[in-house]
Amino acid sequence: MEYLIDTYNINAVYSISIHDMIQYLCAEEDRYRCVLAFQLAHMYTRAYFSIKCNIPELPLNCAFFSSVEVDRAMRYSPSDQLDPTVALHTDIPFGESLNINDVLEKTNGTLQQY
């Protein structure tokens, strides 16, 4: 992921990893390129280990995450309302949950900056 961020000048930085959640902070204009980089980094990693285990093919359902959430708040799901008793700003819009097809459509399948 760091290689892709540096190579394609994506304004993003690793933030935190908890159990099965990995979080990056990125500039709003780079959010879709960051999601694409994240999906590609996952695919490259899975492919590497598959080859090392003498499994020459990587099924599509293993190659990519089923979805990657893009959100301005840390919540369980990007479609959840923020709790007004906890959140300072409850007017933060809902986030998005993107699968690989969604992000390919939004980025035209490229990490290049427009």
N, C-alpha and C. Protein backbone atom coordinates (compact mmCIF):
# COMPACT_ATOMS: atom_id res chain seq x y z
N MET A 1 0.83 -1.19 0.00
CA MET A 1 0.00 0.00 0.00
C MET A 1 0.87 1.25 0.00
N GLU A 2 1.92 1.23 0.81
CA GLU A 2 2.81 2.40 0.87
C GLU A 2 3.46 2.66 -0.49
N TYR A 3 3.84 1.59 -1.18
CA TYR A 3 4.44 1.73 -2.51
C TYR A 3 3.46 2.42 -3.46
N LEU A 4 2.22 1.98 -3.48
CA LEU A 4 1.23 2.57 -4.37
C LEU A 4 0.92 4.02 -4.00
N ILE A 5 0.86 4.30 -2.71
CA ILE A 5 0.63 5.68 -2.27
C ILE A 5 1.75 6.59 -2.75
N ASP A 6 2.99 6.14 -2.58
CA ASP A 6 4.14 6.95 -3.00
C ASP A 6 4.23 7.06 -4.52
N THR A 7 4.07 5.95 -5.22
CA THR A 7 4.22 5.93 -6.67
C THR A 7 3.18 6.80 -7.37
N TYR A 8 1.94 6.74 -6.89
CA TYR A 8 0.85 7.46 -7.56
C TYR A 8 0.46 8.75 -6.85
N ASN A 9 1.30 9.19 -5.91
CA ASN A 9 1.11 10.46 -5.23
C ASN A 9 -0.31 10.59 -4.66
N ILE A 10 -0.72 9.56 -3.93
CA ILE A 10 -2.02 9.57 -3.26
C ILE A 10 -1.81 10.19 -1.88
N ASN A 11 -2.58 11.21 -1.59
CA ASN A 11 -2.45 11.92 -0.32
C ASN A 11 -3.17 11.10 0.76
N ALA A 12 -2.46 10.08 1.28
CA ALA A 12 -3.04 9.18 2.28
C ALA A 12 -1.95 8.71 3.22
N VAL A 13 -2.39 8.31 4.42
CA VAL A 13 -1.46 7.82 5.43
C VAL A 13 -2.16 6.73 6.24
N TYR A 14 -1.40 5.71 6.59
CA TYR A 14 -1.93 4.63 7.44
C TYR A 14 -2.31 5.22 8.79
N SER A 15 -3.47 4.82 9.30
CA SER A 15 -3.94 5.36 10.56
C SER A 15 -3.95 4.32 11.67
N ILE A 16 -4.72 3.24 11.48
CA ILE A 16 -4.90 2.27 12.56
C ILE A 16 -5.35 0.93 11.99
N SER A 17 -5.04 -0.12 12.72
CA SER A 17 -5.51 -1.46 12.37
C SER A 17 -6.03 -2.12 13.64
N ILE A 18 -7.29 -2.51 13.62
CA ILE A 18 -7.92 -3.18 14.76
C ILE A 18 -8.62 -4.43 14.24
N HIS A 19 -8.16 -5.59 14.69
CA HIS A 19 -8.71 -6.88 14.27
C HIS A 19 -8.73 -6.96 12.75
N ASP A 20 -9.91 -6.94 12.14
CA ASP A 20 -10.00 -7.07 10.68
C ASP A 20 -10.28 -5.72 10.00
N MET A 21 -10.06 -4.63 10.70
CA MET A 21 -10.26 -3.30 10.13
C MET A 21 -8.92 -2.60 9.96
N ILE A 22 -8.68 -2.08 8.78
CA ILE A 22 -7.49 -1.28 8.50
C ILE A 22 -7.99 0.08 8.05
N GLN A 23 -7.45 1.13 8.63
CA GLN A 23 -7.94 2.46 8.31
C GLN A 23 -6.81 3.35 7.79
N TYR A 24 -7.11 4.04 6.70
CA TYR A 24 -6.22 5.05 6.15
C TYR A 24 -6.95 6.38 6.19
N LEU A 25 -6.20 7.44 6.43
CA LEU A 25 -6.73 8.79 6.32
C LEU A 25 -6.25 9.34 4.98
N CYS A 26 -7.15 9.93 4.24
CA CYS A 26 -6.72 10.47 2.94
C CYS A 26 -7.49 11.74 2.62
N ALA A 27 -6.94 12.49 1.69
CA ALA A 27 -7.61 13.70 1.21
C ALA A 27 -8.88 13.29 0.48
N GLU A 28 -9.91 14.09 0.62
CA GLU A 28 -11.21 13.75 0.02
C GLU A 28 -11.09 13.51 -1.48
N GLU A 29 -10.28 14.30 -2.16
CA GLU A 29 -10.16 14.15 -3.62
C GLU A 29 -9.41 12.87 -4.02
N ASP A 30 -8.70 12.27 -3.09
CA ASP A 30 -7.96 11.03 -3.38
C ASP A 30 -8.64 9.78 -2.82
N ARG A 31 -9.85 9.91 -2.29
CA ARG A 31 -10.48 8.79 -1.60
C ARG A 31 -10.70 7.57 -2.51
N TYR A 32 -11.09 7.77 -3.74
CA TYR A 32 -11.35 6.62 -4.61
C TYR A 32 -10.04 5.98 -5.09
N ARG A 33 -9.02 6.80 -5.33
CA ARG A 33 -7.72 6.24 -5.70
C ARG A 33 -7.13 5.46 -4.53
N CYS A 34 -7.37 5.93 -3.31
CA CYS A 34 -6.89 5.22 -2.12
C CYS A 34 -7.60 3.87 -1.98
N VAL A 35 -8.90 3.84 -2.23
CA VAL A 35 -9.65 2.57 -2.18
C VAL A 35 -9.12 1.61 -3.24
N LEU A 36 -8.89 2.11 -4.45
CA LEU A 36 -8.36 1.25 -5.51
C LEU A 36 -6.98 0.72 -5.13
N ALA A 37 -6.13 1.57 -4.59
CA ALA A 37 -4.80 1.12 -4.15
C ALA A 37 -4.92 0.06 -3.07
N PHE A 38 -5.85 0.23 -2.16
CA PHE A 38 -6.06 -0.73 -1.08
C PHE A 38 -6.52 -2.08 -1.63
N GLN A 39 -7.44 -2.05 -2.58
CA GLN A 39 -7.91 -3.29 -3.20
C GLN A 39 -6.77 -3.97 -3.96
N LEU A 40 -5.98 -3.20 -4.68
CA LEU A 40 -4.86 -3.78 -5.45
C LEU A 40 -3.78 -4.34 -4.53
N ALA A 41 -3.48 -3.63 -3.45
CA ALA A 41 -2.48 -4.13 -2.49
C ALA A 41 -2.94 -5.46 -1.89
N HIS A 42 -4.22 -5.56 -1.60
CA HIS A 42 -4.77 -6.81 -1.09
C HIS A 42 -4.64 -7.93 -2.13
N MET A 43 -4.98 -7.63 -3.38
CA MET A 43 -4.90 -8.63 -4.44
C MET A 43 -3.45 -9.09 -4.63
N TYR A 44 -2.51 -8.16 -4.67
CA TYR A 44 -1.09 -8.53 -4.84
C TYR A 44 -0.63 -9.43 -3.70
N THR A 45 -1.03 -9.11 -2.48
CA THR A 45 -0.63 -9.91 -1.32
C THR A 45 -1.23 -11.30 -1.38
N ARG A 46 -2.51 -11.39 -1.69
CA ARG A 46 -3.16 -12.71 -1.79
C ARG A 46 -2.55 -13.53 -2.92
N ALA A 47 -2.25 -12.90 -4.04
CA ALA A 47 -1.65 -13.62 -5.17
C ALA A 47 -0.26 -14.14 -4.80
N TYR A 48 0.52 -13.34 -4.11
CA TYR A 48 1.86 -13.75 -3.69
C TYR A 48 1.79 -15.01 -2.83
N PHE A 49 0.92 -14.99 -1.82
CA PHE A 49 0.83 -16.15 -0.94
C PHE A 49 0.21 -17.36 -1.63
N SER A 50 -0.70 -17.14 -2.56
CA SER A 50 -1.26 -18.26 -3.32
C SER A 50 -0.18 -18.96 -4.13
N ILE A 51 0.66 -18.18 -4.79
CA ILE A 51 1.74 -18.76 -5.59
C ILE A 51 2.73 -19.49 -4.69
N LYS A 52 3.07 -18.92 -3.56
CA LYS A 52 4.00 -19.57 -2.62
C LYS A 52 3.43 -20.89 -2.08
N CYS A 53 2.10 -21.02 -2.06
CA CYS A 53 1.46 -22.26 -1.60
C CYS A 53 1.12 -23.19 -2.76
N ASN A 54 1.72 -22.93 -3.93
CA ASN A 54 1.49 -23.72 -5.14
C ASN A 54 0.02 -23.75 -5.57
N ILE A 55 -0.65 -22.63 -5.37
CA ILE A 55 -2.01 -22.46 -5.88
C ILE A 55 -1.91 -21.42 -6.99
N PRO A 56 -1.89 -21.87 -8.25
CA PRO A 56 -1.59 -20.95 -9.35
C PRO A 56 -2.70 -19.97 -9.72
N GLU A 57 -3.91 -20.16 -9.19
CA GLU A 57 -5.01 -19.27 -9.53
C GLU A 57 -5.57 -18.63 -8.27
N LEU A 58 -6.02 -17.41 -8.42
CA LEU A 58 -6.61 -16.68 -7.31
C LEU A 58 -8.07 -16.38 -7.67
N PRO A 59 -9.01 -17.03 -7.00
CA PRO A 59 -10.42 -16.78 -7.32
C PRO A 59 -10.79 -15.32 -7.07
N LEU A 60 -11.71 -14.82 -7.86
CA LEU A 60 -12.14 -13.43 -7.76
C LEU A 60 -12.69 -13.11 -6.38
N ASN A 61 -13.39 -14.05 -5.75
CA ASN A 61 -13.96 -13.76 -4.43
C ASN A 61 -12.90 -13.69 -3.34
N CYS A 62 -11.66 -14.10 -3.63
CA CYS A 62 -10.54 -13.96 -2.68
C CYS A 62 -9.64 -12.79 -3.04
N ALA A 63 -9.65 -12.40 -4.30
CA ALA A 63 -8.70 -11.38 -4.77
C ALA A 63 -9.00 -10.00 -4.20
N PHE A 64 -10.27 -9.68 -4.02
CA PHE A 64 -10.65 -8.33 -3.59
C PHE A 64 -11.54 -8.40 -2.36
N PHE A 65 -11.51 -7.34 -1.57
CA PHE A 65 -12.43 -7.22 -0.44
C PHE A 65 -13.85 -7.10 -1.00
N SER A 66 -14.82 -7.63 -0.28
CA SER A 66 -16.21 -7.53 -0.75
C SER A 66 -16.65 -6.06 -0.78
N SER A 67 -16.14 -5.26 0.14
CA SER A 67 -16.40 -3.82 0.10
C SER A 67 -15.35 -3.11 0.95
N VAL A 68 -15.16 -1.86 0.61
CA VAL A 68 -14.28 -0.97 1.38
C VAL A 68 -15.12 0.26 1.71
N GLU A 69 -15.13 0.63 2.97
CA GLU A 69 -15.94 1.76 3.41
C GLU A 69 -15.14 3.06 3.34
N VAL A 70 -15.79 4.08 2.83
CA VAL A 70 -15.22 5.43 2.78
C VAL A 70 -16.13 6.29 3.63
N ASP A 71 -15.57 6.90 4.66
CA ASP A 71 -16.41 7.65 5.59
C ASP A 71 -15.60 8.76 6.23
N ARG A 72 -16.28 9.80 6.66
CA ARG A 72 -15.63 10.91 7.35
C ARG A 72 -15.68 10.75 8.86
N ALA A 73 -16.39 9.72 9.33
CA ALA A 73 -16.50 9.44 10.76
C ALA A 73 -16.20 7.96 10.98
N MET A 74 -15.75 7.64 12.18
CA MET A 74 -15.49 6.25 12.51
C MET A 74 -16.76 5.67 13.13
N ARG A 75 -17.45 4.85 12.35
CA ARG A 75 -18.67 4.21 12.82
C ARG A 75 -18.72 2.79 12.29
N TYR A 76 -19.62 1.99 12.85
CA TYR A 76 -19.68 0.58 12.49
C TYR A 76 -19.98 0.39 11.01
N SER A 77 -20.91 1.13 10.49
CA SER A 77 -21.30 1.05 9.09
C SER A 77 -21.44 2.47 8.54
N PRO A 78 -21.06 2.69 7.28
CA PRO A 78 -21.15 4.05 6.74
C PRO A 78 -22.59 4.56 6.59
N SER A 79 -23.57 3.66 6.75
CA SER A 79 -24.97 4.09 6.65
C SER A 79 -25.62 4.31 8.01
N ASP A 80 -24.85 4.18 9.10
CA ASP A 80 -25.38 4.40 10.45
C ASP A 80 -25.41 5.89 10.77
N GLN A 81 -26.45 6.30 11.50
CA GLN A 81 -26.51 7.66 12.01
C GLN A 81 -25.48 7.81 13.13
N LEU A 82 -24.93 8.98 13.28
CA LEU A 82 -24.04 9.24 14.41
C LEU A 82 -24.88 9.51 15.65
N ASP A 83 -24.44 9.00 16.77
CA ASP A 83 -25.14 9.17 18.05
C ASP A 83 -24.93 10.60 18.55
N PRO A 84 -25.99 11.38 18.67
CA PRO A 84 -25.83 12.78 19.10
C PRO A 84 -25.30 12.93 20.52
N THR A 85 -25.40 11.88 21.34
CA THR A 85 -24.87 11.98 22.70
C THR A 85 -23.35 11.79 22.73
N VAL A 86 -22.80 11.25 21.65
CA VAL A 86 -21.36 10.97 21.58
C VAL A 86 -20.66 11.88 20.58
N ALA A 87 -21.29 12.10 19.43
CA ALA A 87 -20.66 12.85 18.34
C ALA A 87 -20.78 14.35 18.55
N LEU A 88 -19.70 15.05 18.27
CA LEU A 88 -19.72 16.51 18.34
C LEU A 88 -20.51 17.10 17.17
N HIS A 89 -20.37 16.45 16.00
CA HIS A 89 -21.05 16.92 14.79
C HIS A 89 -21.90 15.78 14.24
N THR A 90 -23.20 15.94 14.30
CA THR A 90 -24.09 14.89 13.79
C THR A 90 -24.51 15.17 12.35
N ASP A 91 -24.02 16.28 11.78
CA ASP A 91 -24.39 16.62 10.41
C ASP A 91 -23.41 16.05 9.39
N ILE A 92 -22.51 15.17 9.80
CA ILE A 92 -21.57 14.53 8.88
C ILE A 92 -22.37 13.60 7.98
N PRO A 93 -22.20 13.72 6.66
CA PRO A 93 -22.99 12.88 5.74
C PRO A 93 -22.61 11.40 5.86
N PHE A 94 -23.51 10.55 5.39
CA PHE A 94 -23.24 9.12 5.37
C PHE A 94 -22.03 8.83 4.49
N GLY A 95 -21.37 7.72 4.77
CA GLY A 95 -20.24 7.29 3.96
C GLY A 95 -20.69 6.41 2.82
N GLU A 96 -19.72 5.75 2.20
CA GLU A 96 -20.00 4.87 1.08
C GLU A 96 -19.38 3.51 1.33
N SER A 97 -19.98 2.49 0.79
CA SER A 97 -19.43 1.14 0.82
C SER A 97 -19.22 0.73 -0.63
N LEU A 98 -17.95 0.57 -1.03
CA LEU A 98 -17.63 0.35 -2.43
C LEU A 98 -17.04 -1.04 -2.66
N ASN A 99 -17.57 -1.76 -3.65
CA ASN A 99 -16.93 -3.00 -4.06
C ASN A 99 -15.95 -2.69 -5.19
N ILE A 100 -15.26 -3.68 -5.69
CA ILE A 100 -14.23 -3.43 -6.70
C ILE A 100 -14.83 -2.83 -7.97
N ASN A 101 -16.03 -3.25 -8.35
CA ASN A 101 -16.65 -2.69 -9.56
C ASN A 101 -17.00 -1.22 -9.38
N ASP A 102 -17.47 -0.85 -8.20
CA ASP A 102 -17.79 0.55 -7.91
C ASP A 102 -16.55 1.44 -8.04
N VAL A 103 -15.46 0.99 -7.43
CA VAL A 103 -14.26 1.83 -7.43
C VAL A 103 -13.61 1.87 -8.82
N LEU A 104 -13.71 0.79 -9.58
CA LEU A 104 -13.19 0.82 -10.95
C LEU A 104 -13.97 1.83 -11.79
N GLU A 105 -15.26 1.90 -11.56
CA GLU A 105 -16.09 2.87 -12.27
C GLU A 105 -15.74 4.31 -11.89
N LYS A 106 -15.52 4.54 -10.60
CA LYS A 106 -15.23 5.90 -10.11
C LYS A 106 -13.83 6.38 -10.49
N THR A 107 -12.89 5.45 -10.68
CA THR A 107 -11.51 5.82 -11.00
C THR A 107 -11.15 5.57 -12.46
N ASN A 108 -12.09 5.07 -13.23
CA ASN A 108 -11.83 4.63 -14.61
C ASN A 108 -10.73 3.58 -14.63
N GLY A 109 -10.58 2.85 -13.53
CA GLY A 109 -9.62 1.74 -13.45
C GLY A 109 -8.17 2.16 -13.41
N THR A 110 -7.90 3.38 -12.98
CA THR A 110 -6.52 3.85 -12.94
C THR A 110 -6.22 4.54 -11.62
N LEU A 111 -4.96 4.43 -11.20
CA LEU A 111 -4.50 5.14 -10.01
C LEU A 111 -3.94 6.52 -10.37
N GLN A 112 -3.86 6.83 -11.65
CA GLN A 112 -3.34 8.11 -12.09
C GLN A 112 -4.26 9.23 -11.64
N GLN A 113 -3.66 10.35 -11.30
CA GLN A 113 -4.41 11.53 -10.88
C GLN A 113 -4.88 12.29 -12.10
N TYR A 114 -6.11 12.78 -12.06
CA TYR A 114 -6.65 13.56 -13.19
C TYR A 114 -6.41 15.02 -13.02
